[in-house]
Amino acid sequence: MAEFIITRKQKDYLKMPYQVIINGRLVGTMRTPQAKLHLPAGFYMVTIRTGSYVPVGKKGKTIDMTFSTTEAVMISDTGYNCLDFKDKGRWWDIVFGIDLAVWFVALFLTIPHPWNIVYHILSDGFFVAWLIRLFVVRKRYFAFHSYVSSTPPEEIKPRKSRLERYMEEHRDEIAAWQQQLYARQQERALNRQRRLYKMQQWKEKHLKRKK
């Protein structure tokens, strides 16, 4: 079995999941920047897909809102088989993000005439071009680079959240706080048992007197 390493070469700010499909069969979903598989040597049709199918109506119809790319990849027994992928139109997405930010700011500002007309023509025109381009390349959305390396590729770890970073930085303080909390819980449980024992002794003593 050969090792097959798939790596996402761009940062995902939205942390989108990517489906890995090999020879038309879904083998898993990438929720981290890197995934490792073990496959027999040979040629495979590898598809990377993201997005989803949006349901429409009550008859089970859906709209395909997925973006994918399929490419033939050779897996060999020697070395590390690597497949890197990234978005082809990264600059389109950056410009779209800038246009979206400017549109949001324009909601609270008044652009003087005639610059407001120029802005709307450029912004709306770019948005239409972005949608057309997105629809045209949605089946060729990713750029692939497959190669065989004699050394393992650099391990890419998922970006840690702010909470995870805080817990790592204050690991000793959190461990001490957990020990204190555990000690308090044990002390409360012991006091509860003592009160129950005293109550049981008091009942036995007074019930015997009444009899």
Protein backbone atom coordinates (compact mmCIF):
# COMPACT_ATOMS: atom_id res chain seq x y z
CA MET A 1 0.00 0.00 0.00
CA ALA A 2 1.29 3.43 -0.97
CA GLU A 3 0.85 6.58 1.09
CA PHE A 4 -1.17 9.32 -0.60
CA ILE A 5 -1.03 12.79 0.98
CA ILE A 6 -3.52 15.51 0.00
CA THR A 7 -2.70 19.06 1.08
CA ARG A 8 -4.69 22.28 0.89
CA LYS A 9 -2.10 24.96 0.01
CA GLN A 10 -4.17 28.01 0.92
CA LYS A 11 -5.59 29.27 4.17
CA ASP A 12 -9.33 28.88 4.60
CA TYR A 13 -10.81 31.68 6.65
CA LEU A 14 -14.23 29.99 6.66
CA LYS A 15 -12.81 26.47 7.26
CA MET A 16 -14.76 24.84 4.45
CA PRO A 17 -14.88 21.01 4.40
CA TYR A 18 -13.57 19.31 1.24
CA GLN A 19 -14.86 15.97 0.03
CA VAL A 20 -12.30 13.54 -1.39
CA ILE A 21 -13.76 11.31 -4.13
CA ILE A 22 -11.63 8.58 -5.72
CA ASN A 23 -12.91 6.76 -8.80
CA GLY A 24 -16.40 8.13 -8.17
CA ARG A 25 -16.52 6.95 -4.56
CA LEU A 26 -16.54 9.28 -1.58
CA VAL A 27 -13.71 8.20 0.72
CA GLY A 28 -13.89 11.00 3.29
CA THR A 29 -14.14 14.68 4.10
CA MET A 30 -11.15 16.90 4.80
CA ARG A 31 -11.76 19.17 7.78
CA THR A 32 -8.03 19.85 8.22
CA PRO A 33 -5.49 21.26 5.73
CA GLN A 34 -3.93 17.82 5.18
CA ALA A 35 -5.18 14.26 4.80
CA LYS A 36 -3.36 10.93 4.42
CA LEU A 37 -4.64 7.84 2.62
CA HIS A 38 -3.19 4.40 1.86
CA LEU A 39 -3.97 3.06 -1.62
CA PRO A 40 -2.61 0.33 -3.90
CA ALA A 41 -0.36 1.51 -6.70
CA GLY A 42 -2.14 2.51 -9.92
CA PHE A 43 -4.04 5.30 -11.68
CA TYR A 44 -6.95 6.97 -9.93
CA MET A 45 -9.43 9.68 -10.81
CA VAL A 46 -9.27 12.02 -7.81
CA THR A 47 -11.96 14.66 -7.22
CA ILE A 48 -11.87 17.43 -4.65
CA ARG A 49 -15.32 18.93 -4.04
CA THR A 50 -16.73 21.58 -1.74
CA GLY A 51 -20.15 23.19 -1.40
CA SER A 52 -23.51 21.48 -1.15
CA TYR A 53 -26.79 20.71 -2.92
CA VAL A 54 -29.52 23.21 -2.05
CA PRO A 55 -33.01 21.64 -1.79
CA VAL A 56 -35.74 23.27 -3.88
CA GLY A 57 -39.46 22.52 -3.51
CA LYS A 58 -41.06 19.47 -1.93
CA LYS A 59 -40.25 16.87 -4.61
CA GLY A 60 -36.64 16.31 -3.55
CA LYS A 61 -35.16 18.53 -6.26
CA THR A 62 -31.85 20.22 -5.56
CA ILE A 63 -29.62 22.88 -7.08
CA ASP A 64 -25.97 21.92 -7.51
CA MET A 65 -23.94 24.54 -5.65
CA THR A 66 -20.72 22.53 -5.49
CA PHE A 67 -17.25 23.43 -6.79
CA SER A 68 -14.88 20.66 -7.80
CA THR A 69 -12.00 19.49 -9.96
CA THR A 70 -11.19 15.99 -11.20
CA GLU A 71 -7.78 14.82 -12.35
CA ALA A 72 -6.00 11.53 -13.06
CA VAL A 73 -3.31 10.81 -10.47
CA MET A 74 -0.72 8.02 -10.53
CA ILE A 75 0.08 6.34 -7.20
CA SER A 76 3.42 4.54 -7.02
CA ASP A 77 4.93 2.23 -4.41
CA THR A 78 8.10 4.28 -4.09
CA GLY A 79 8.28 7.54 -2.17
CA TYR A 80 5.48 9.75 -0.91
CA ASN A 81 2.65 10.46 -3.36
CA CYS A 82 1.51 14.05 -2.87
CA LEU A 83 -1.38 16.06 -4.27
CA ASP A 84 -1.55 19.80 -3.56
CA PHE A 85 -4.60 21.84 -4.50
CA LYS A 86 -5.63 25.49 -4.30
CA ASP A 87 -8.20 27.85 -5.80
CA LYS A 88 -7.54 28.98 -9.36
CA GLY A 89 -9.31 32.31 -8.95
CA ARG A 90 -7.86 33.44 -5.66
CA TRP A 91 -7.49 37.04 -6.88
CA TRP A 92 -11.14 37.07 -7.92
CA ASP A 93 -12.16 36.19 -4.39
CA ILE A 94 -9.87 38.86 -2.92
CA VAL A 95 -11.28 41.57 -5.18
CA PHE A 96 -14.81 40.35 -4.40
CA GLY A 97 -14.07 40.64 -0.66
CA ILE A 98 -12.82 44.21 -1.16
CA ASP A 99 -15.90 45.08 -3.24
CA LEU A 100 -18.16 43.60 -0.55
CA ALA A 101 -16.42 45.65 2.15
CA VAL A 102 -16.77 48.85 0.08
CA TRP A 103 -20.46 48.06 -0.53
CA PHE A 104 -21.02 47.69 3.22
CA VAL A 105 -19.30 51.03 3.93
CA ALA A 106 -21.33 52.70 1.15
CA LEU A 107 -24.52 51.80 3.05
CA PHE A 108 -23.60 54.38 5.70
CA LEU A 109 -22.00 56.99 3.43
CA THR A 110 -23.36 59.13 0.63
CA ILE A 111 -21.22 59.07 -2.51
CA PRO A 112 -21.49 62.39 -4.36
CA HIS A 113 -22.75 62.61 -7.92
CA PRO A 114 -21.49 61.49 -10.47
CA TRP A 115 -19.14 59.16 -8.57
CA ASN A 116 -22.08 57.20 -7.20
CA ILE A 117 -23.07 56.21 -10.77
CA VAL A 118 -19.48 55.18 -11.57
CA TYR A 119 -19.28 53.14 -8.38
CA HIS A 120 -22.54 51.28 -9.04
CA ILE A 121 -21.56 50.51 -12.65
CA LEU A 122 -18.15 49.14 -11.63
CA SER A 123 -19.42 47.27 -8.56
CA ASP A 124 -22.46 45.71 -10.24
CA GLY A 125 -20.48 44.90 -13.38
CA PHE A 126 -17.76 43.14 -11.40
CA PHE A 127 -20.37 41.21 -9.38
CA VAL A 128 -22.05 39.94 -12.56
CA ALA A 129 -18.67 38.99 -14.05
CA TRP A 130 -17.74 37.20 -10.81
CA LEU A 131 -20.98 35.18 -10.85
CA ILE A 132 -20.54 34.23 -14.53
CA ARG A 133 -16.93 33.21 -13.98
CA LEU A 134 -17.93 31.20 -10.86
CA PHE A 135 -20.59 29.31 -12.84
CA VAL A 136 -18.23 28.61 -15.76
CA VAL A 137 -15.29 27.27 -13.71
CA ARG A 138 -17.19 25.50 -10.94
CA LYS A 139 -16.16 22.08 -12.33
CA ARG A 140 -12.55 23.27 -12.74
CA TYR A 141 -12.37 25.32 -9.59
CA PHE A 142 -9.13 23.94 -8.10
CA ALA A 143 -5.59 23.81 -9.45
CA PHE A 144 -3.86 20.46 -8.81
CA HIS A 145 -0.18 19.66 -8.50
CA SER A 146 0.66 15.96 -8.10
CA TYR A 147 4.20 14.68 -7.52
CA VAL A 148 6.21 11.94 -5.85
CA SER A 149 8.68 12.94 -3.14
CA SER A 150 11.44 10.93 -1.51
CA THR A 151 10.90 12.81 1.75
CA PRO A 152 7.59 13.33 3.55
CA PRO A 153 5.97 16.71 2.85
CA GLU A 154 5.78 19.36 5.53
CA GLU A 155 3.04 18.55 8.01
CA ILE A 156 0.36 21.23 8.05
CA LYS A 157 -1.58 21.41 11.27
CA PRO A 158 -5.03 23.00 11.46
CA ARG A 159 -5.22 26.55 12.71
CA LYS A 160 -5.98 26.59 16.41
CA SER A 161 -8.84 28.60 17.82
CA ARG A 162 -8.38 31.37 20.37
CA LEU A 163 -9.66 29.08 23.13
CA GLU A 164 -7.17 26.33 22.21
CA ARG A 165 -4.28 28.83 22.19
CA TYR A 166 -5.36 30.21 25.57
CA MET A 167 -5.53 26.72 27.08
CA GLU A 168 -2.03 25.90 25.81
CA GLU A 169 -0.57 29.15 27.14
CA HIS A 170 -2.21 28.74 30.57
CA ARG A 171 -1.95 24.97 30.86
CA ASP A 172 -0.36 25.02 34.34
CA GLU A 173 -2.90 27.51 35.70
CA ILE A 174 -5.81 25.47 34.33
CA ALA A 175 -4.37 22.24 35.79
CA ALA A 176 -4.00 23.91 39.21
CA TRP A 177 -7.55 25.25 39.03
CA GLN A 178 -8.87 21.80 38.10
CA GLN A 179 -7.06 20.26 41.07
CA GLN A 180 -8.55 22.87 43.41
CA LEU A 181 -12.01 22.24 41.98
CA TYR A 182 -11.60 18.47 42.39
CA ALA A 183 -10.41 18.94 46.00
CA ARG A 184 -13.45 21.12 46.78
CA GLN A 185 -15.80 18.56 45.28
CA GLN A 186 -14.20 15.79 47.32
CA GLU A 187 -14.43 17.88 50.50
CA ARG A 188 -18.10 18.64 49.86
CA ALA A 189 -18.84 14.96 49.25
CA LEU A 190 -17.02 14.01 52.47
CA ASN A 191 -18.92 16.62 54.49
CA ARG A 192 -22.19 15.37 53.01
CA GLN A 193 -21.36 11.82 54.08
CA ARG A 194 -20.48 13.03 57.58
CA ARG A 195 -23.80 14.87 57.94
CA LEU A 196 -25.71 11.83 56.76
CA TYR A 197 -23.83 9.63 59.21
CA LYS A 198 -24.53 12.00 62.13
CA MET A 199 -28.19 12.20 61.14
CA GLN A 200 -28.42 8.42 61.04
CA GLN A 201 -26.82 8.14 64.50
CA TRP A 202 -29.19 10.78 65.91
CA LYS A 203 -32.24 8.92 64.52
CA GLU A 204 -31.09 5.60 65.88
CA LYS A 205 -30.43 7.12 69.33
CA HIS A 206 -33.77 8.97 69.64
CA LEU A 207 -35.86 6.18 68.11
CA LYS A 208 -34.48 3.71 70.65
CA ARG A 209 -35.40 6.08 73.49
CA LYS A 210 -38.96 6.44 72.28
CA LYS A 211 -39.41 2.67 72.10
